[in-house]
Amino acid sequence: MEVVDESASRLPTFYQGGRQFVLGTMGDRYQVRVVNPTSSRIEAVVSVDGLDAVDGRPASLSKRGYIIPAYGDVVIDGFRTSLDAVAAFRFSSVRDSYAAKTRHARNVGVIGVAFFRERPPPVVRRAPPPVYAPAPPMKRAMPEAAPAPQEEAESRGSPG
């Protein structure tokens, strides 16, 4: 993540007390550039002055962010106020900040980015189609042969 000016030049930064600071000029516009150096897509949830860069409301890790393609980047130039318009990021005093104007001036001066890896697509395991074995040939029940007439007579006990 880096802070750039309107011409996409990186603004100077310095470290003090374990924190990184960006040197900007009061009233100048700036942009937040987020780079994805990985081979997978990522989601970046970005906050500026404690406000979510997507909707300008208080930031939260549960909100949606920007999808950044593998080895790609995105430049965020302000808080989204609609699909076509943004409230530009500008260096200002706490009192004149967008966060103060929206009554959320708790984290003015803080830029945060949370990165989330894309979940791998679910593995679809298809059950093999059922195997139907042909039914064994059915044996036809043969009707019992009727006794021969002579046998019939003998079995009745013919007079003799």
N, C-alpha and C. Protein backbone atom coordinates (compact mmCIF):
# COMPACT_ATOMS: atom_id res chain seq x y z
N MET A 1 0.86 -1.16 0.00
CA MET A 1 0.00 0.00 0.00
C MET A 1 0.90 1.22 0.00
N GLU A 2 0.51 2.21 -0.79
CA GLU A 2 1.26 3.46 -0.80
C GLU A 2 0.31 4.62 -1.04
N VAL A 3 0.72 5.80 -0.61
CA VAL A 3 -0.06 7.01 -0.82
C VAL A 3 0.62 7.78 -1.94
N VAL A 4 -0.18 8.14 -2.96
CA VAL A 4 0.35 8.81 -4.14
C VAL A 4 -0.40 10.13 -4.36
N ASP A 5 0.25 11.03 -5.12
CA ASP A 5 -0.42 12.29 -5.45
C ASP A 5 -1.25 12.10 -6.72
N GLU A 6 -1.84 13.18 -7.20
CA GLU A 6 -2.72 13.08 -8.37
C GLU A 6 -2.02 12.61 -9.63
N SER A 7 -0.70 12.77 -9.70
CA SER A 7 0.03 12.29 -10.88
C SER A 7 0.58 10.88 -10.66
N ALA A 8 0.12 10.21 -9.61
CA ALA A 8 0.50 8.84 -9.27
C ALA A 8 1.94 8.72 -8.77
N SER A 9 2.55 9.84 -8.36
CA SER A 9 3.90 9.78 -7.78
C SER A 9 3.78 9.47 -6.29
N ARG A 10 4.62 8.58 -5.84
CA ARG A 10 4.58 8.19 -4.42
C ARG A 10 4.99 9.37 -3.55
N LEU A 11 4.20 9.61 -2.51
CA LEU A 11 4.52 10.69 -1.58
C LEU A 11 5.59 10.23 -0.60
N PRO A 12 6.43 11.16 -0.14
CA PRO A 12 7.50 10.76 0.78
C PRO A 12 6.94 10.25 2.11
N THR A 13 7.62 9.24 2.64
CA THR A 13 7.22 8.68 3.93
C THR A 13 8.43 8.67 4.87
N PHE A 14 8.14 8.64 6.15
CA PHE A 14 9.21 8.48 7.14
C PHE A 14 8.66 7.70 8.32
N TYR A 15 9.57 7.13 9.08
CA TYR A 15 9.19 6.32 10.24
C TYR A 15 9.58 7.03 11.52
N GLN A 16 8.70 6.93 12.49
CA GLN A 16 9.01 7.48 13.81
C GLN A 16 8.20 6.69 14.84
N GLY A 17 8.87 6.24 15.86
CA GLY A 17 8.20 5.50 16.93
C GLY A 17 7.49 4.25 16.45
N GLY A 18 8.08 3.58 15.46
CA GLY A 18 7.49 2.34 14.95
C GLY A 18 6.30 2.54 14.03
N ARG A 19 6.02 3.77 13.67
CA ARG A 19 4.89 4.07 12.78
C ARG A 19 5.40 4.74 11.51
N GLN A 20 4.66 4.55 10.44
CA GLN A 20 5.02 5.17 9.16
C GLN A 20 4.11 6.37 8.94
N PHE A 21 4.71 7.48 8.51
CA PHE A 21 3.97 8.71 8.24
C PHE A 21 4.17 9.12 6.80
N VAL A 22 3.15 9.76 6.22
CA VAL A 22 3.22 10.29 4.86
C VAL A 22 3.31 11.79 4.95
N LEU A 23 4.20 12.36 4.17
CA LEU A 23 4.36 13.81 4.17
C LEU A 23 3.50 14.39 3.05
N GLY A 24 2.50 15.17 3.45
CA GLY A 24 1.61 15.79 2.49
C GLY A 24 1.45 17.27 2.77
N THR A 25 0.88 17.98 1.84
CA THR A 25 0.66 19.42 1.98
C THR A 25 -0.83 19.67 2.20
N MET A 26 -1.13 20.50 3.19
CA MET A 26 -2.51 20.81 3.53
C MET A 26 -3.29 21.23 2.28
N GLY A 27 -4.45 20.59 2.08
CA GLY A 27 -5.32 20.91 0.95
C GLY A 27 -5.05 20.08 -0.30
N ASP A 28 -3.89 19.45 -0.38
CA ASP A 28 -3.58 18.64 -1.57
C ASP A 28 -4.38 17.34 -1.57
N ARG A 29 -4.73 16.93 -2.76
CA ARG A 29 -5.46 15.67 -2.94
C ARG A 29 -4.45 14.53 -2.98
N TYR A 30 -4.86 13.37 -2.46
CA TYR A 30 -4.01 12.17 -2.53
C TYR A 30 -4.87 10.96 -2.85
N GLN A 31 -4.21 9.88 -3.22
CA GLN A 31 -4.88 8.63 -3.54
C GLN A 31 -4.17 7.50 -2.81
N VAL A 32 -4.88 6.42 -2.60
CA VAL A 32 -4.30 5.24 -1.97
C VAL A 32 -4.17 4.18 -3.05
N ARG A 33 -2.95 3.71 -3.23
CA ARG A 33 -2.69 2.67 -4.23
C ARG A 33 -2.38 1.37 -3.48
N VAL A 34 -3.14 0.34 -3.81
CA VAL A 34 -2.95 -0.96 -3.18
C VAL A 34 -2.47 -1.94 -4.25
N VAL A 35 -1.36 -2.61 -3.97
CA VAL A 35 -0.74 -3.52 -4.93
C VAL A 35 -0.86 -4.95 -4.42
N ASN A 36 -1.15 -5.85 -5.34
CA ASN A 36 -1.21 -7.28 -5.02
C ASN A 36 0.00 -7.97 -5.64
N PRO A 37 1.01 -8.32 -4.85
CA PRO A 37 2.20 -8.96 -5.40
C PRO A 37 2.08 -10.48 -5.50
N THR A 38 0.88 -11.02 -5.29
CA THR A 38 0.72 -12.48 -5.28
C THR A 38 0.12 -13.00 -6.58
N SER A 39 0.14 -14.31 -6.71
CA SER A 39 -0.40 -14.95 -7.92
C SER A 39 -1.89 -15.27 -7.80
N SER A 40 -2.53 -14.78 -6.75
CA SER A 40 -3.97 -15.00 -6.55
C SER A 40 -4.69 -13.68 -6.36
N ARG A 41 -5.99 -13.68 -6.63
CA ARG A 41 -6.77 -12.48 -6.36
C ARG A 41 -6.86 -12.28 -4.85
N ILE A 42 -6.97 -11.02 -4.43
CA ILE A 42 -7.16 -10.70 -3.02
C ILE A 42 -8.26 -9.66 -2.90
N GLU A 43 -8.78 -9.54 -1.70
CA GLU A 43 -9.72 -8.46 -1.38
C GLU A 43 -9.01 -7.55 -0.41
N ALA A 44 -9.06 -6.25 -0.67
CA ALA A 44 -8.45 -5.25 0.21
C ALA A 44 -9.56 -4.37 0.77
N VAL A 45 -9.73 -4.42 2.08
CA VAL A 45 -10.71 -3.55 2.75
C VAL A 45 -9.92 -2.34 3.24
N VAL A 46 -10.22 -1.18 2.66
CA VAL A 46 -9.43 0.03 2.89
C VAL A 46 -10.21 1.04 3.73
N SER A 47 -9.51 1.62 4.70
CA SER A 47 -10.13 2.70 5.49
C SER A 47 -9.20 3.90 5.50
N VAL A 48 -9.81 5.06 5.48
CA VAL A 48 -9.08 6.33 5.57
C VAL A 48 -9.78 7.16 6.64
N ASP A 49 -9.03 7.64 7.58
CA ASP A 49 -9.58 8.43 8.70
C ASP A 49 -10.65 7.65 9.48
N GLY A 50 -10.51 6.32 9.49
CA GLY A 50 -11.48 5.49 10.22
C GLY A 50 -12.75 5.23 9.46
N LEU A 51 -12.82 5.67 8.20
CA LEU A 51 -14.02 5.47 7.38
C LEU A 51 -13.71 4.50 6.25
N ASP A 52 -14.68 3.68 5.93
CA ASP A 52 -14.54 2.72 4.85
C ASP A 52 -14.45 3.46 3.51
N ALA A 53 -13.45 3.13 2.71
CA ALA A 53 -13.25 3.83 1.44
C ALA A 53 -14.37 3.56 0.44
N VAL A 54 -15.08 2.43 0.60
CA VAL A 54 -16.16 2.11 -0.34
C VAL A 54 -17.39 2.97 -0.09
N ASP A 55 -17.78 3.13 1.18
CA ASP A 55 -19.04 3.84 1.44
C ASP A 55 -18.91 5.08 2.32
N GLY A 56 -17.72 5.40 2.83
CA GLY A 56 -17.54 6.61 3.64
C GLY A 56 -18.15 6.52 5.03
N ARG A 57 -18.55 5.36 5.44
CA ARG A 57 -19.11 5.15 6.78
C ARG A 57 -18.06 4.50 7.67
N PRO A 58 -18.29 4.40 8.97
CA PRO A 58 -17.28 3.80 9.84
C PRO A 58 -16.77 2.46 9.31
N ALA A 59 -15.45 2.31 9.36
CA ALA A 59 -14.80 1.11 8.81
C ALA A 59 -15.06 -0.11 9.68
N SER A 60 -15.03 -1.27 9.02
CA SER A 60 -15.20 -2.54 9.71
C SER A 60 -14.58 -3.63 8.85
N LEU A 61 -13.97 -4.60 9.49
CA LEU A 61 -13.39 -5.72 8.75
C LEU A 61 -14.44 -6.58 8.08
N SER A 62 -15.69 -6.46 8.51
CA SER A 62 -16.74 -7.28 7.91
C SER A 62 -17.32 -6.68 6.63
N LYS A 63 -16.85 -5.47 6.26
CA LYS A 63 -17.36 -4.85 5.03
C LYS A 63 -16.64 -5.40 3.81
N ARG A 64 -17.23 -5.14 2.66
CA ARG A 64 -16.65 -5.57 1.39
C ARG A 64 -15.55 -4.60 0.99
N GLY A 65 -14.62 -5.11 0.21
CA GLY A 65 -13.50 -4.27 -0.22
C GLY A 65 -13.32 -4.29 -1.72
N TYR A 66 -12.11 -3.99 -2.13
CA TYR A 66 -11.74 -3.96 -3.54
C TYR A 66 -11.10 -5.29 -3.91
N ILE A 67 -11.54 -5.88 -5.02
CA ILE A 67 -10.93 -7.11 -5.51
C ILE A 67 -9.76 -6.71 -6.41
N ILE A 68 -8.59 -7.21 -6.08
CA ILE A 68 -7.38 -6.86 -6.82
C ILE A 68 -6.87 -8.12 -7.51
N PRO A 69 -6.73 -8.08 -8.83
CA PRO A 69 -6.28 -9.28 -9.55
C PRO A 69 -4.84 -9.65 -9.20
N ALA A 70 -4.47 -10.88 -9.51
CA ALA A 70 -3.10 -11.34 -9.29
C ALA A 70 -2.13 -10.38 -9.96
N TYR A 71 -1.12 -9.97 -9.22
CA TYR A 71 -0.07 -9.04 -9.68
C TYR A 71 -0.63 -7.70 -10.16
N GLY A 72 -1.83 -7.37 -9.72
CA GLY A 72 -2.47 -6.12 -10.15
C GLY A 72 -2.45 -5.07 -9.06
N ASP A 73 -3.11 -3.97 -9.32
CA ASP A 73 -3.22 -2.90 -8.33
C ASP A 73 -4.52 -2.15 -8.54
N VAL A 74 -4.88 -1.36 -7.54
CA VAL A 74 -6.06 -0.51 -7.63
C VAL A 74 -5.69 0.82 -7.00
N VAL A 75 -6.17 1.90 -7.60
CA VAL A 75 -5.94 3.24 -7.06
C VAL A 75 -7.29 3.76 -6.59
N ILE A 76 -7.35 4.13 -5.32
CA ILE A 76 -8.59 4.61 -4.71
C ILE A 76 -8.44 6.11 -4.51
N ASP A 77 -9.29 6.88 -5.15
CA ASP A 77 -9.10 8.33 -5.13
C ASP A 77 -10.05 9.08 -4.21
N GLY A 78 -10.88 8.34 -3.46
CA GLY A 78 -11.76 9.01 -2.51
C GLY A 78 -12.83 8.07 -2.00
N PHE A 79 -13.65 8.61 -1.08
CA PHE A 79 -14.77 7.83 -0.55
C PHE A 79 -15.86 7.78 -1.61
N ARG A 80 -16.37 6.61 -1.91
CA ARG A 80 -17.46 6.47 -2.88
C ARG A 80 -18.72 7.11 -2.32
N THR A 81 -19.29 8.02 -3.07
CA THR A 81 -20.59 8.60 -2.68
C THR A 81 -21.70 8.08 -3.60
N SER A 82 -21.30 7.53 -4.76
CA SER A 82 -22.21 6.86 -5.69
C SER A 82 -21.33 6.04 -6.63
N LEU A 83 -21.93 5.38 -7.59
CA LEU A 83 -21.12 4.60 -8.53
C LEU A 83 -20.23 5.49 -9.39
N ASP A 84 -20.62 6.75 -9.55
CA ASP A 84 -19.87 7.66 -10.43
C ASP A 84 -19.09 8.74 -9.71
N ALA A 85 -19.33 8.95 -8.43
CA ALA A 85 -18.71 10.09 -7.74
C ALA A 85 -17.97 9.66 -6.48
N VAL A 86 -16.93 10.44 -6.14
CA VAL A 86 -16.17 10.20 -4.91
C VAL A 86 -15.97 11.52 -4.17
N ALA A 87 -15.80 11.42 -2.86
CA ALA A 87 -15.37 12.56 -2.05
C ALA A 87 -13.86 12.40 -1.94
N ALA A 88 -13.11 13.27 -2.60
CA ALA A 88 -11.66 13.14 -2.73
C ALA A 88 -10.96 13.08 -1.38
N PHE A 89 -9.89 12.29 -1.33
CA PHE A 89 -9.02 12.29 -0.17
C PHE A 89 -8.16 13.56 -0.24
N ARG A 90 -8.13 14.34 0.84
CA ARG A 90 -7.31 15.56 0.90
C ARG A 90 -6.66 15.66 2.26
N PHE A 91 -5.45 16.18 2.27
CA PHE A 91 -4.78 16.46 3.54
C PHE A 91 -5.47 17.67 4.16
N SER A 92 -5.88 17.54 5.42
CA SER A 92 -6.59 18.65 6.07
C SER A 92 -6.40 18.56 7.58
N SER A 93 -6.94 19.53 8.25
CA SER A 93 -6.96 19.49 9.71
C SER A 93 -8.05 18.53 10.14
N VAL A 94 -8.00 18.11 11.39
CA VAL A 94 -9.05 17.22 11.90
C VAL A 94 -10.42 17.87 11.74
N ARG A 95 -10.51 19.14 12.08
CA ARG A 95 -11.79 19.87 12.02
C ARG A 95 -12.36 19.92 10.60
N ASP A 96 -11.50 20.05 9.60
CA ASP A 96 -11.97 20.16 8.21
C ASP A 96 -12.02 18.82 7.47
N SER A 97 -11.76 17.73 8.15
CA SER A 97 -11.72 16.42 7.49
C SER A 97 -13.12 15.93 7.12
N TYR A 98 -13.18 15.05 6.16
CA TYR A 98 -14.44 14.43 5.75
C TYR A 98 -15.02 13.65 6.93
N ALA A 99 -14.15 13.01 7.70
CA ALA A 99 -14.61 12.24 8.87
C ALA A 99 -15.30 13.16 9.88
N ALA A 100 -14.74 14.34 10.13
CA ALA A 100 -15.36 15.26 11.08
C ALA A 100 -16.70 15.76 10.53
N LYS A 101 -16.76 16.00 9.22
CA LYS A 101 -18.01 16.48 8.62
C LYS A 101 -19.11 15.43 8.67
N THR A 102 -18.71 14.16 8.77
CA THR A 102 -19.70 13.09 8.88
C THR A 102 -19.82 12.59 10.33
N ARG A 103 -19.22 13.35 11.24
CA ARG A 103 -19.28 13.08 12.69
C ARG A 103 -18.62 11.78 13.10
N HIS A 104 -17.51 11.45 12.45
CA HIS A 104 -16.76 10.24 12.78
C HIS A 104 -15.27 10.55 12.79
N ALA A 105 -14.86 11.52 13.58
CA ALA A 105 -13.47 11.99 13.54
C ALA A 105 -12.55 11.29 14.54
N ARG A 106 -12.81 10.05 14.87
CA ARG A 106 -11.98 9.35 15.86
C ARG A 106 -10.60 8.97 15.36
N ASN A 107 -10.48 8.59 14.08
CA ASN A 107 -9.21 8.07 13.57
C ASN A 107 -8.66 8.89 12.41
N VAL A 108 -8.84 10.19 12.47
CA VAL A 108 -8.35 11.05 11.39
C VAL A 108 -6.83 10.92 11.31
N GLY A 109 -6.34 10.77 10.08
CA GLY A 109 -4.91 10.63 9.86
C GLY A 109 -4.44 9.19 9.75
N VAL A 110 -5.33 8.25 9.91
CA VAL A 110 -4.96 6.83 9.86
C VAL A 110 -5.50 6.21 8.57
N ILE A 111 -4.60 5.55 7.84
CA ILE A 111 -4.99 4.80 6.65
C ILE A 111 -4.74 3.33 6.97
N GLY A 112 -5.75 2.51 6.77
CA GLY A 112 -5.61 1.08 7.07
C GLY A 112 -6.06 0.23 5.90
N VAL A 113 -5.41 -0.92 5.77
CA VAL A 113 -5.79 -1.87 4.73
C VAL A 113 -5.75 -3.26 5.35
N ALA A 114 -6.82 -4.00 5.19
CA ALA A 114 -6.86 -5.40 5.60
C ALA A 114 -6.95 -6.24 4.33
N PHE A 115 -6.10 -7.25 4.25
CA PHE A 115 -6.04 -8.10 3.06
C PHE A 115 -6.65 -9.45 3.36
N PHE A 116 -7.43 -9.94 2.39
CA PHE A 116 -8.04 -11.25 2.52
C PHE A 116 -7.76 -12.05 1.26
N ARG A 117 -7.29 -13.28 1.46
CA ARG A 117 -7.07 -14.17 0.31
C ARG A 117 -8.42 -14.63 -0.22
N GLU A 118 -8.46 -14.88 -1.51
CA GLU A 118 -9.67 -15.43 -2.10
C GLU A 118 -9.78 -16.89 -1.70
N ARG A 119 -10.97 -17.28 -1.32
CA ARG A 119 -11.19 -18.69 -0.98
C ARG A 119 -11.08 -19.51 -2.25
N PRO A 120 -10.46 -20.67 -2.15
CA PRO A 120 -10.41 -21.51 -3.36
C PRO A 120 -11.82 -21.97 -3.72
N PRO A 121 -12.06 -22.18 -4.99
CA PRO A 121 -13.40 -22.64 -5.38
C PRO A 121 -13.68 -24.00 -4.74
N PRO A 122 -14.92 -24.26 -4.40
CA PRO A 122 -15.23 -25.55 -3.78
C PRO A 122 -14.96 -26.70 -4.74
N VAL A 123 -14.51 -27.79 -4.17
CA VAL A 123 -14.26 -28.98 -4.99
C VAL A 123 -15.59 -29.69 -5.18
N VAL A 124 -15.95 -29.83 -6.41
CA VAL A 124 -17.22 -30.50 -6.72
C VAL A 124 -16.91 -31.97 -6.95
N ARG A 125 -17.45 -32.77 -6.11
CA ARG A 125 -17.26 -34.21 -6.27
C ARG A 125 -18.58 -34.78 -6.77
N ARG A 126 -18.51 -35.29 -7.96
CA ARG A 126 -19.72 -35.86 -8.55
C ARG A 126 -19.74 -37.36 -8.27
N ALA A 127 -20.87 -37.84 -7.82
CA ALA A 127 -21.03 -39.27 -7.58
C ALA A 127 -21.12 -39.95 -8.93
N PRO A 128 -20.43 -41.07 -9.07
CA PRO A 128 -20.54 -41.77 -10.36
C PRO A 128 -21.97 -42.23 -10.56
N PRO A 129 -22.37 -42.25 -11.79
CA PRO A 129 -23.75 -42.70 -12.04
C PRO A 129 -23.89 -44.15 -11.56
N PRO A 130 -25.07 -44.51 -11.10
CA PRO A 130 -25.24 -45.89 -10.63
C PRO A 130 -25.05 -46.87 -11.78
N VAL A 131 -24.46 -47.98 -11.45
CA VAL A 131 -24.23 -49.02 -12.46
C VAL A 131 -25.37 -50.01 -12.35
N TYR A 132 -26.07 -50.15 -13.43
CA TYR A 132 -27.18 -51.08 -13.45
C TYR A 132 -26.72 -52.35 -14.16
N ALA A 133 -26.65 -53.45 -13.42
CA ALA A 133 -26.30 -54.72 -14.03
C ALA A 133 -27.59 -55.31 -14.58
N PRO A 134 -27.49 -55.90 -15.74
CA PRO A 134 -28.73 -56.51 -16.26
C PRO A 134 -29.19 -57.60 -15.30
N ALA A 135 -30.46 -57.67 -15.14
CA ALA A 135 -31.03 -58.68 -14.24
C ALA A 135 -30.76 -60.06 -14.84
N PRO A 136 -30.46 -61.02 -13.96
CA PRO A 136 -30.24 -62.37 -14.51
C PRO A 136 -31.51 -62.84 -15.20
N PRO A 137 -31.37 -63.61 -16.25
CA PRO A 137 -32.57 -64.07 -16.94
C PRO A 137 -33.44 -64.88 -15.98
N MET A 138 -34.68 -64.57 -16.03
CA MET A 138 -35.60 -65.27 -15.13
C MET A 138 -35.94 -66.63 -15.73
N LYS A 139 -35.96 -67.60 -14.86
CA LYS A 139 -36.37 -68.94 -15.33
C LYS A 139 -37.89 -68.94 -15.35
N ARG A 140 -38.38 -69.34 -16.49
CA ARG A 140 -39.83 -69.40 -16.58
C ARG A 140 -40.31 -70.65 -15.86
N ALA A 141 -41.28 -70.44 -15.07
CA ALA A 141 -41.84 -71.60 -14.39
C ALA A 141 -42.64 -72.39 -15.41
N MET A 142 -42.24 -73.59 -15.59
CA MET A 142 -42.95 -74.44 -16.54
C MET A 142 -44.12 -75.06 -15.79
N PRO A 143 -45.29 -75.01 -16.39
CA PRO A 143 -46.40 -75.67 -15.71
C PRO A 143 -46.14 -77.17 -15.61
N GLU A 144 -46.57 -77.73 -14.49
CA GLU A 144 -46.34 -79.17 -14.34
C GLU A 144 -47.14 -79.89 -15.42
N ALA A 145 -46.48 -80.84 -15.92
CA ALA A 145 -47.16 -81.60 -16.97
C ALA A 145 -48.33 -82.37 -16.36
N ALA A 146 -49.38 -82.36 -17.07
CA ALA A 146 -50.54 -83.11 -16.58
C ALA A 146 -50.21 -84.61 -16.65
N PRO A 147 -50.66 -85.33 -15.67
CA PRO A 147 -50.34 -86.77 -15.72
C PRO A 147 -50.97 -87.41 -16.97
N ALA A 148 -50.24 -88.33 -17.47
CA ALA A 148 -50.73 -89.04 -18.66
C ALA A 148 -52.03 -89.76 -18.30
N PRO A 149 -52.94 -89.93 -19.27
CA PRO A 149 -54.23 -90.55 -18.95
C PRO A 149 -54.08 -91.91 -18.30
N GLN A 150 -53.09 -92.69 -18.72
CA GLN A 150 -52.93 -94.01 -18.15
C GLN A 150 -52.50 -93.87 -16.71
N GLU A 151 -51.58 -92.94 -16.44
CA GLU A 151 -51.10 -92.73 -15.09
C GLU A 151 -52.26 -92.28 -14.23
N GLU A 152 -53.14 -91.50 -14.82
CA GLU A 152 -54.27 -90.96 -14.07
C GLU A 152 -55.18 -92.11 -13.65
N ALA A 153 -55.38 -93.00 -14.55
CA ALA A 153 -56.26 -94.10 -14.25
C ALA A 153 -55.66 -94.99 -13.16
N GLU A 154 -54.38 -95.21 -13.24
CA GLU A 154 -53.73 -96.07 -12.26
C GLU A 154 -53.77 -95.43 -10.89
N SER A 155 -53.60 -94.11 -10.88
CA SER A 155 -53.57 -93.48 -9.58
C SER A 155 -54.95 -93.47 -8.94
N ARG A 156 -56.01 -93.60 -9.71
CA ARG A 156 -57.35 -93.59 -9.14
C ARG A 156 -57.73 -94.99 -8.64
N GLY A 157 -56.98 -95.89 -9.06
CA GLY A 157 -57.30 -97.27 -8.67
C GLY A 157 -58.41 -97.86 -9.52
N SER A 158 -58.14 -98.13 -10.75
CA SER A 158 -59.17 -98.61 -11.67
C SER A 158 -59.58 -100.06 -11.35
N PRO A 159 -60.85 -100.36 -11.60
CA PRO A 159 -61.29 -101.70 -11.29
C PRO A 159 -60.65 -102.70 -12.28
N GLY A 160 -60.30 -103.60 -11.85
CA GLY A 160 -59.61 -104.41 -12.65
C GLY A 160 -59.56 -105.64 -13.11
